[in-house]
Amino acid sequence: MATALRPSVDQVWQWLAEVPDPEIPVISLTDLGIIRNVAWQDDTLVVTVTPTYSGCPATTVINLDIETALTGHGIEKLRLERQLSPAWTTDWVTAEGREKLREYGIAPPVDGTAADGLLMKRIDRLGGRSNLTIACPRCGSANTEKISQFGSTPCKASYRCTDCLEPFDYFKCI
Protein backbone atom coordinates (compact mmCIF):
# COMPACT_ATOMS: atom_id res chain seq x y z
CA MET A 1 0.00 0.00 0.00
CA ALA A 2 2.81 2.45 0.83
CA THR A 3 4.28 1.85 -2.63
CA ALA A 4 1.09 3.15 -4.27
CA LEU A 5 1.30 6.39 -2.24
CA ARG A 6 4.94 7.15 -2.87
CA PRO A 7 5.67 10.00 -5.26
CA SER A 8 6.85 9.30 -8.77
CA VAL A 9 10.47 9.84 -9.76
CA ASP A 10 9.26 12.70 -12.00
CA GLN A 11 7.63 14.36 -8.99
CA VAL A 12 10.85 14.04 -6.99
CA TRP A 13 12.80 15.64 -9.86
CA GLN A 14 10.32 18.56 -9.74
CA TRP A 15 10.89 18.97 -6.02
CA LEU A 16 14.66 18.89 -6.49
CA ALA A 17 14.34 21.56 -9.19
CA GLU A 18 13.13 23.88 -6.42
CA VAL A 19 16.20 23.36 -4.21
CA PRO A 20 18.61 26.27 -4.75
CA ASP A 21 22.37 25.96 -4.86
CA PRO A 22 23.61 27.38 -1.52
CA GLU A 23 26.38 29.44 -3.17
CA ILE A 24 24.31 30.73 -6.12
CA PRO A 25 20.67 30.71 -4.96
CA VAL A 26 19.21 31.71 -8.35
CA ILE A 27 20.17 28.35 -9.83
CA SER A 28 18.70 25.02 -8.69
CA LEU A 29 20.62 21.84 -8.03
CA THR A 30 19.07 20.32 -11.15
CA ASP A 31 19.99 23.38 -13.26
CA LEU A 32 23.53 23.03 -11.96
CA GLY A 33 23.51 19.41 -13.14
CA ILE A 34 24.72 17.84 -9.92
CA ILE A 35 21.68 15.61 -9.37
CA ARG A 36 22.64 12.58 -11.44
CA ASN A 37 19.88 10.11 -10.67
CA VAL A 38 16.70 9.60 -8.67
CA ALA A 39 15.36 6.08 -8.15
CA TRP A 40 13.32 4.03 -5.78
CA GLN A 41 15.05 0.95 -4.35
CA ASP A 42 12.28 -0.93 -2.58
CA ASP A 43 10.88 1.65 -0.13
CA THR A 44 13.99 3.88 -0.10
CA LEU A 45 14.44 6.89 -2.36
CA VAL A 46 18.02 7.05 -3.63
CA VAL A 47 19.31 10.38 -4.91
CA THR A 48 22.72 10.37 -6.59
CA VAL A 49 24.70 13.61 -6.37
CA THR A 50 27.92 14.53 -8.16
CA PRO A 51 29.56 17.54 -6.48
CA THR A 52 31.01 20.24 -8.68
CA TYR A 53 34.39 19.13 -7.37
CA SER A 54 35.38 16.68 -4.65
CA GLY A 55 36.44 19.43 -2.21
CA CYS A 56 33.41 21.66 -2.71
CA PRO A 57 32.71 23.30 0.67
CA ALA A 58 28.96 23.43 -0.07
CA THR A 59 28.54 19.63 -0.38
CA THR A 60 27.36 19.15 3.20
CA VAL A 61 24.86 22.00 2.92
CA ILE A 62 23.61 20.66 -0.43
CA ASN A 63 23.00 17.22 1.07
CA LEU A 64 21.18 18.75 4.05
CA ASP A 65 19.03 20.89 1.71
CA ILE A 66 18.10 17.81 -0.35
CA GLU A 67 17.18 15.89 2.80
CA THR A 68 15.15 18.81 4.17
CA ALA A 69 13.26 19.32 0.92
CA LEU A 70 12.42 15.67 0.39
CA THR A 71 11.50 14.86 3.99
CA GLY A 72 9.34 17.99 3.87
CA HIS A 73 7.45 16.31 1.03
CA GLY A 74 6.91 13.18 3.11
CA ILE A 75 9.85 11.04 2.01
CA GLU A 76 10.59 8.85 5.02
CA LYS A 77 13.42 6.67 3.75
CA LEU A 78 16.11 8.52 1.82
CA ARG A 79 19.67 7.65 0.88
CA LEU A 80 22.03 10.14 -0.74
CA GLU A 81 24.84 8.65 -2.78
CA ARG A 82 27.91 10.57 -3.84
CA GLN A 83 29.14 9.80 -7.35
CA LEU A 84 32.55 11.17 -8.32
CA SER A 85 32.91 9.45 -11.69
CA PRO A 86 32.28 10.73 -14.22
CA ALA A 87 33.41 14.00 -12.71
CA TRP A 88 31.00 16.91 -12.90
CA THR A 89 31.57 19.34 -15.74
CA THR A 90 30.12 22.75 -16.51
CA ASP A 91 28.71 21.15 -19.65
CA TRP A 92 26.04 19.70 -17.31
CA VAL A 93 24.68 23.18 -16.43
CA THR A 94 21.34 23.45 -18.23
CA ALA A 95 20.54 26.17 -20.74
CA GLU A 96 18.02 27.55 -18.24
CA GLY A 97 20.69 27.52 -15.56
CA ARG A 98 23.11 29.44 -17.78
CA GLU A 99 20.48 32.08 -18.45
CA LYS A 100 19.69 32.38 -14.72
CA LEU A 101 23.41 32.91 -14.02
CA ARG A 102 23.61 35.63 -16.69
CA GLU A 103 20.51 37.41 -15.35
CA TYR A 104 22.01 37.27 -11.85
CA GLY A 105 25.19 38.96 -13.08
CA ILE A 106 27.47 35.92 -13.35
CA ALA A 107 28.94 35.10 -16.75
CA PRO A 108 28.04 31.45 -17.40
CA PRO A 109 30.65 28.93 -18.54
CA VAL A 110 31.43 29.21 -22.23
CA ASP A 111 29.81 26.36 -24.18
CA GLY A 112 32.08 23.58 -25.35
CA THR A 113 35.16 24.58 -23.37
CA ALA A 114 34.95 22.22 -20.42
CA ALA A 115 34.88 18.54 -21.29
CA ASP A 116 36.50 18.65 -24.73
CA GLY A 117 39.85 19.94 -23.47
CA LEU A 118 40.21 22.59 -26.18
CA LEU A 119 40.33 25.43 -23.68
CA MET A 120 43.18 23.79 -21.78
CA LYS A 121 45.15 23.29 -25.00
CA ARG A 122 44.69 26.98 -25.89
CA ILE A 123 45.82 28.02 -22.41
CA ASP A 124 48.90 25.77 -22.57
CA ARG A 125 49.94 27.14 -25.99
CA LEU A 126 49.69 30.69 -24.68
CA GLY A 127 51.87 30.05 -21.66
CA GLY A 128 49.00 30.08 -19.19
CA ARG A 129 46.97 32.81 -20.90
CA SER A 130 43.59 32.10 -22.43
CA ASN A 131 42.17 33.65 -25.59
CA LEU A 132 38.69 32.82 -24.33
CA THR A 133 36.26 35.72 -24.64
CA ILE A 134 34.01 36.20 -21.61
CA ALA A 135 31.05 38.47 -22.33
CA CYS A 136 29.90 40.86 -19.64
CA PRO A 137 26.61 39.54 -18.20
CA ARG A 138 25.40 43.10 -17.60
CA CYS A 139 25.97 44.86 -20.95
CA GLY A 140 27.00 41.96 -23.22
CA SER A 141 30.33 43.53 -24.20
CA ALA A 142 33.18 41.23 -25.16
CA ASN A 143 35.65 43.85 -23.92
CA THR A 144 36.43 42.25 -20.58
CA GLU A 145 39.53 41.46 -18.59
CA LYS A 146 40.36 38.92 -15.91
CA ILE A 147 41.11 40.51 -12.57
CA SER A 148 41.78 37.32 -10.64
CA GLN A 149 41.64 33.59 -11.28
CA PHE A 150 39.63 33.31 -8.05
CA GLY A 151 36.29 35.01 -7.47
CA SER A 152 33.73 34.89 -4.70
CA THR A 153 33.92 31.08 -4.68
CA PRO A 154 36.62 28.70 -5.97
CA CYS A 155 34.53 27.83 -9.05
CA LYS A 156 34.43 31.45 -10.23
CA ALA A 157 36.98 33.97 -11.53
CA SER A 158 36.78 37.77 -11.17
CA TYR A 159 36.41 39.83 -14.34
CA ARG A 160 35.76 43.47 -15.20
CA CYS A 161 34.04 44.91 -18.23
CA THR A 162 36.14 47.65 -19.83
CA ASP A 163 33.02 49.18 -21.44
CA CYS A 164 30.53 49.46 -18.56
CA LEU A 165 33.33 49.18 -15.93
CA GLU A 166 31.31 46.74 -13.83
CA PRO A 167 33.05 43.85 -12.06
CA PHE A 168 31.51 40.39 -12.38
CA ASP A 169 32.17 36.74 -11.67
CA TYR A 170 32.73 34.20 -14.41
CA PHE A 171 31.66 30.63 -13.66
CA LYS A 172 34.84 28.78 -14.70
CA CYS A 173 34.75 25.86 -17.11
CA ILE A 174 35.49 22.63 -15.38
C-alpha atoms as a PDB file:
ATOM      1  CA  MET A   1       0.000   0.000   0.000  1.00  0.00           C
ATOM      2  CA  ALA A   2       2.815   2.455   0.829  1.00  0.00           C
ATOM      3  CA  THR A   3       4.285   1.849  -2.626  1.00  0.00           C
ATOM      4  CA  ALA A   4       1.093   3.148  -4.272  1.00  0.00           C
ATOM      5  CA  LEU A   5       1.301   6.388  -2.242  1.00  0.00           C
ATOM      6  CA  ARG A   6       4.938   7.153  -2.870  1.00  0.00           C
ATOM      7  CA  PRO A   7       5.672  10.003  -5.257  1.00  0.00           C
ATOM      8  CA  SER A   8       6.853   9.298  -8.771  1.00  0.00           C
ATOM      9  CA  VAL A   9      10.466   9.844  -9.761  1.00  0.00           C
ATOM     10  CA  ASP A  10       9.264  12.697 -11.999  1.00  0.00           C
ATOM     11  CA  GLN A  11       7.630  14.365  -8.990  1.00  0.00           C
ATOM     12  CA  VAL A  12      10.849  14.041  -6.990  1.00  0.00           C
ATOM     13  CA  TRP A  13      12.803  15.645  -9.857  1.00  0.00           C
ATOM     14  CA  GLN A  14      10.319  18.560  -9.743  1.00  0.00           C
ATOM     15  CA  TRP A  15      10.893  18.971  -6.016  1.00  0.00           C
ATOM     16  CA  LEU A  16      14.662  18.888  -6.488  1.00  0.00           C
ATOM     17  CA  ALA A  17      14.344  21.558  -9.188  1.00  0.00           C
ATOM     18  CA  GLU A  18      13.127  23.878  -6.423  1.00  0.00           C
ATOM     19  CA  VAL A  19      16.201  23.364  -4.210  1.00  0.00           C
ATOM     20  CA  PRO A  20      18.613  26.273  -4.745  1.00  0.00           C
ATOM     21  CA  ASP A  21      22.373  25.959  -4.858  1.00  0.00           C
ATOM     22  CA  PRO A  22      23.613  27.383  -1.524  1.00  0.00           C
ATOM     23  CA  GLU A  23      26.376  29.439  -3.174  1.00  0.00           C
ATOM     24  CA  ILE A  24      24.308  30.728  -6.120  1.00  0.00           C
ATOM     25  CA  PRO A  25      20.671  30.713  -4.961  1.00  0.00           C
ATOM     26  CA  VAL A  26      19.207  31.707  -8.347  1.00  0.00           C
ATOM     27  CA  ILE A  27      20.165  28.345  -9.831  1.00  0.00           C
ATOM     28  CA  SER A  28      18.699  25.021  -8.686  1.00  0.00           C
ATOM     29  CA  LEU A  29      20.624  21.843  -8.026  1.00  0.00           C
ATOM     30  CA  THR A  30      19.067  20.320 -11.151  1.00  0.00           C
ATOM     31  CA  ASP A  31      19.986  23.379 -13.263  1.00  0.00           C
ATOM     32  CA  LEU A  32      23.531  23.030 -11.961  1.00  0.00           C
ATOM     33  CA  GLY A  33      23.506  19.414 -13.144  1.00  0.00           C
ATOM     34  CA  ILE A  34      24.719  17.843  -9.917  1.00  0.00           C
ATOM     35  CA  ILE A  35      21.675  15.611  -9.369  1.00  0.00           C
ATOM     36  CA  ARG A  36      22.641  12.579 -11.443  1.00  0.00           C
ATOM     37  CA  ASN A  37      19.876  10.105 -10.666  1.00  0.00           C
ATOM     38  CA  VAL A  38      16.701   9.603  -8.674  1.00  0.00           C
ATOM     39  CA  ALA A  39      15.361   6.082  -8.155  1.00  0.00           C
ATOM     40  CA  TRP A  40      13.318   4.025  -5.781  1.00  0.00           C
ATOM     41  CA  GLN A  41      15.045   0.950  -4.351  1.00  0.00           C
ATOM     42  CA  ASP A  42      12.282  -0.929  -2.578  1.00  0.00           C
ATOM     43  CA  ASP A  43      10.876   1.650  -0.133  1.00  0.00           C
ATOM     44  CA  THR A  44      13.990   3.877  -0.095  1.00  0.00           C
ATOM     45  CA  LEU A  45      14.437   6.885  -2.361  1.00  0.00           C
ATOM     46  CA  VAL A  46      18.017   7.048  -3.627  1.00  0.00           C
ATOM     47  CA  VAL A  47      19.315  10.384  -4.909  1.00  0.00           C
ATOM     48  CA  THR A  48      22.720  10.368  -6.590  1.00  0.00           C
ATOM     49  CA  VAL A  49      24.696  13.608  -6.370  1.00  0.00           C
ATOM     50  CA  THR A  50      27.920  14.534  -8.160  1.00  0.00           C
ATOM     51  CA  PRO A  51      29.559  17.540  -6.477  1.00  0.00           C
ATOM     52  CA  THR A  52      31.014  20.244  -8.678  1.00  0.00           C
ATOM     53  CA  TYR A  53      34.387  19.127  -7.367  1.00  0.00           C
ATOM     54  CA  SER A  54      35.380  16.682  -4.646  1.00  0.00           C
ATOM     55  CA  GLY A  55      36.437  19.432  -2.214  1.00  0.00           C
ATOM     56  CA  CYS A  56      33.408  21.655  -2.708  1.00  0.00           C
ATOM     57  CA  PRO A  57      32.712  23.304   0.669  1.00  0.00           C
ATOM     58  CA  ALA A  58      28.964  23.432  -0.065  1.00  0.00           C
ATOM     59  CA  THR A  59      28.543  19.635  -0.379  1.00  0.00           C
ATOM     60  CA  THR A  60      27.362  19.146   3.200  1.00  0.00           C
ATOM     61  CA  VAL A  61      24.855  21.998   2.915  1.00  0.00           C
ATOM     62  CA  ILE A  62      23.612  20.656  -0.430  1.00  0.00           C
ATOM     63  CA  ASN A  63      22.996  17.222   1.073  1.00  0.00           C
ATOM     64  CA  LEU A  64      21.181  18.755   4.048  1.00  0.00           C
ATOM     65  CA  ASP A  65      19.034  20.893   1.708  1.00  0.00           C
ATOM     66  CA  ILE A  66      18.099  17.810  -0.345  1.00  0.00           C
ATOM     67  CA  GLU A  67      17.178  15.892   2.803  1.00  0.00           C
ATOM     68  CA  THR A  68      15.145  18.810   4.175  1.00  0.00           C
ATOM     69  CA  ALA A  69      13.264  19.316   0.916  1.00  0.00           C
ATOM     70  CA  LEU A  70      12.421  15.671   0.389  1.00  0.00           C
ATOM     71  CA  THR A  71      11.498  14.857   3.985  1.00  0.00           C
ATOM     72  CA  GLY A  72       9.339  17.985   3.866  1.00  0.00           C
ATOM     73  CA  HIS A  73       7.446  16.312   1.026  1.00  0.00           C
ATOM     74  CA  GLY A  74       6.909  13.179   3.109  1.00  0.00           C
ATOM     75  CA  ILE A  75       9.854  11.036   2.009  1.00  0.00           C
ATOM     76  CA  GLU A  76      10.594   8.849   5.018  1.00  0.00           C
ATOM     77  CA  LYS A  77      13.424   6.670   3.749  1.00  0.00           C
ATOM     78  CA  LEU A  78      16.106   8.524   1.825  1.00  0.00           C
ATOM     79  CA  ARG A  79      19.669   7.654   0.881  1.00  0.00           C
ATOM     80  CA  LEU A  80      22.030  10.144  -0.738  1.00  0.00           C
ATOM     81  CA  GLU A  81      24.839   8.649  -2.781  1.00  0.00           C
ATOM     82  CA  ARG A  82      27.912  10.567  -3.837  1.00  0.00           C
ATOM     83  CA  GLN A  83      29.139   9.805  -7.355  1.00  0.00           C
ATOM     84  CA  LEU A  84      32.554  11.166  -8.318  1.00  0.00           C
ATOM     85  CA  SER A  85      32.906   9.452 -11.688  1.00  0.00           C
ATOM     86  CA  PRO A  86      32.285  10.727 -14.216  1.00  0.00           C
ATOM     87  CA  ALA A  87      33.411  14.000 -12.706  1.00  0.00           C
ATOM     88  CA  TRP A  88      31.003  16.915 -12.898  1.00  0.00           C
ATOM     89  CA  THR A  89      31.574  19.337 -15.744  1.00  0.00           C
ATOM     90  CA  THR A  90      30.121  22.747 -16.506  1.00  0.00           C
ATOM     91  CA  ASP A  91      28.707  21.153 -19.650  1.00  0.00           C
ATOM     92  CA  TRP A  92      26.036  19.703 -17.313  1.00  0.00           C
ATOM     93  CA  VAL A  93      24.681  23.177 -16.434  1.00  0.00           C
ATOM     94  CA  THR A  94      21.342  23.453 -18.228  1.00  0.00           C
ATOM     95  CA  ALA A  95      20.537  26.174 -20.739  1.00  0.00           C
ATOM     96  CA  GLU A  96      18.016  27.549 -18.237  1.00  0.00           C
ATOM     97  CA  GLY A  97      20.689  27.522 -15.557  1.00  0.00           C
ATOM     98  CA  ARG A  98      23.107  29.437 -17.779  1.00  0.00           C
ATOM     99  CA  GLU A  99      20.476  32.082 -18.448  1.00  0.00           C
ATOM    100  CA  LYS A 100      19.694  32.376 -14.725  1.00  0.00           C
ATOM    101  CA  LEU A 101      23.407  32.910 -14.020  1.00  0.00           C
ATOM    102  CA  ARG A 102      23.611  35.627 -16.687  1.00  0.00           C
ATOM    103  CA  GLU A 103      20.511  37.407 -15.354  1.00  0.00           C
ATOM    104  CA  TYR A 104      22.009  37.272 -11.846  1.00  0.00           C
ATOM    105  CA  GLY A 105      25.194  38.961 -13.079  1.00  0.00           C
ATOM    106  CA  ILE A 106      27.472  35.920 -13.346  1.00  0.00           C
ATOM    107  CA  ALA A 107      28.935  35.105 -16.747  1.00  0.00           C
ATOM    108  CA  PRO A 108      28.042  31.453 -17.401  1.00  0.00           C
ATOM    109  CA  PRO A 109      30.645  28.935 -18.536  1.00  0.00           C
ATOM    110  CA  VAL A 110      31.425  29.210 -22.230  1.00  0.00           C
ATOM    111  CA  ASP A 111      29.807  26.363 -24.178  1.00  0.00           C
ATOM    112  CA  GLY A 112      32.080  23.585 -25.348  1.00  0.00           C
ATOM    113  CA  THR A 113      35.161  24.579 -23.373  1.00  0.00           C
ATOM    114  CA  ALA A 114      34.952  22.217 -20.419  1.00  0.00           C
ATOM    115  CA  ALA A 115      34.878  18.539 -21.289  1.00  0.00           C
ATOM    116  CA  ASP A 116      36.496  18.648 -24.732  1.00  0.00           C
ATOM    117  CA  GLY A 117      39.848  19.939 -23.471  1.00  0.00           C
ATOM    118  CA  LEU A 118      40.207  22.588 -26.185  1.00  0.00           C
ATOM    119  CA  LEU A 119      40.335  25.428 -23.683  1.00  0.00           C
ATOM    120  CA  MET A 120      43.176  23.792 -21.775  1.00  0.00           C
ATOM    121  CA  LYS A 121      45.147  23.289 -25.005  1.00  0.00           C
ATOM    122  CA  ARG A 122      44.689  26.978 -25.887  1.00  0.00           C
ATOM    123  CA  ILE A 123      45.816  28.022 -22.410  1.00  0.00           C
ATOM    124  CA  ASP A 124      48.895  25.773 -22.570  1.00  0.00           C
ATOM    125  CA  ARG A 125      49.940  27.144 -25.991  1.00  0.00           C
ATOM    126  CA  LEU A 126      49.695  30.689 -24.679  1.00  0.00           C
ATOM    127  CA  GLY A 127      51.869  30.051 -21.657  1.00  0.00           C
ATOM    128  CA  GLY A 128      48.995  30.080 -19.187  1.00  0.00           C
ATOM    129  CA  ARG A 129      46.967  32.812 -20.897  1.00  0.00           C
ATOM    130  CA  SER A 130      43.594  32.104 -22.432  1.00  0.00           C
ATOM    131  CA  ASN A 131      42.174  33.648 -25.590  1.00  0.00           C
ATOM    132  CA  LEU A 132      38.692  32.822 -24.332  1.00  0.00           C
ATOM    133  CA  THR A 133      36.262  35.725 -24.636  1.00  0.00           C
ATOM    134  CA  ILE A 134      34.011  36.196 -21.614  1.00  0.00           C
ATOM    135  CA  ALA A 135      31.055  38.467 -22.335  1.00  0.00           C
ATOM    136  CA  CYS A 136      29.898  40.863 -19.637  1.00  0.00           C
ATOM    137  CA  PRO A 137      26.612  39.537 -18.195  1.00  0.00           C
ATOM    138  CA  ARG A 138      25.402  43.102 -17.603  1.00  0.00           C
ATOM    139  CA  CYS A 139      25.970  44.864 -20.945  1.00  0.00           C
ATOM    140  CA  GLY A 140      27.000  41.964 -23.222  1.00  0.00           C
ATOM    141  CA  SER A 141      30.326  43.528 -24.201  1.00  0.00           C
ATOM    142  CA  ALA A 142      33.182  41.232 -25.160  1.00  0.00           C
ATOM    143  CA  ASN A 143      35.655  43.852 -23.920  1.00  0.00           C
ATOM    144  CA  THR A 144      36.431  42.252 -20.583  1.00  0.00           C
ATOM    145  CA  GLU A 145      39.529  41.463 -18.592  1.00  0.00           C
ATOM    146  CA  LYS A 146      40.356  38.923 -15.914  1.00  0.00           C
ATOM    147  CA  ILE A 147      41.110  40.514 -12.566  1.00  0.00           C
ATOM    148  CA  SER A 148      41.777  37.316 -10.636  1.00  0.00           C
ATOM    149  CA  GLN A 149      41.641  33.585 -11.276  1.00  0.00           C
ATOM    150  CA  PHE A 150      39.628  33.310  -8.055  1.00  0.00           C
ATOM    151  CA  GLY A 151      36.294  35.009  -7.472  1.00  0.00           C
ATOM    152  CA  SER A 152      33.727  34.891  -4.696  1.00  0.00           C
ATOM    153  CA  THR A 153      33.919  31.078  -4.683  1.00  0.00           C
ATOM    154  CA  PRO A 154      36.620  28.698  -5.971  1.00  0.00           C
ATOM    155  CA  CYS A 155      34.529  27.832  -9.045  1.00  0.00           C
ATOM    156  CA  LYS A 156      34.429  31.454 -10.235  1.00  0.00           C
ATOM    157  CA  ALA A 157      36.976  33.972 -11.528  1.00  0.00           C
ATOM    158  CA  SER A 158      36.779  37.770 -11.173  1.00  0.00           C
ATOM    159  CA  TYR A 159      36.414  39.831 -14.339  1.00  0.00           C
ATOM    160  CA  ARG A 160      35.761  43.465 -15.203  1.00  0.00           C
ATOM    161  CA  CYS A 161      34.037  44.906 -18.230  1.00  0.00           C
ATOM    162  CA  THR A 162      36.137  47.654 -19.828  1.00  0.00           C
ATOM    163  CA  ASP A 163      33.023  49.178 -21.443  1.00  0.00           C
ATOM    164  CA  CYS A 164      30.528  49.459 -18.560  1.00  0.00           C
ATOM    165  CA  LEU A 165      33.331  49.177 -15.930  1.00  0.00           C
ATOM    166  CA  GLU A 166      31.305  46.738 -13.832  1.00  0.00           C
ATOM    167  CA  PRO A 167      33.046  43.847 -12.064  1.00  0.00           C
ATOM    168  CA  PHE A 168      31.509  40.389 -12.385  1.00  0.00           C
ATOM    169  CA  ASP A 169      32.169  36.741 -11.666  1.00  0.00           C
ATOM    170  CA  TYR A 170      32.730  34.197 -14.414  1.00  0.00           C
ATOM    171  CA  PHE A 171      31.665  30.627 -13.656  1.00  0.00           C
ATOM    172  CA  LYS A 172      34.837  28.782 -14.702  1.00  0.00           C
ATOM    173  CA  CYS A 173      34.745  25.865 -17.114  1.00  0.00           C
ATOM    174  CA  ILE A 174      35.489  22.628 -15.379  1.00  0.00           C
END
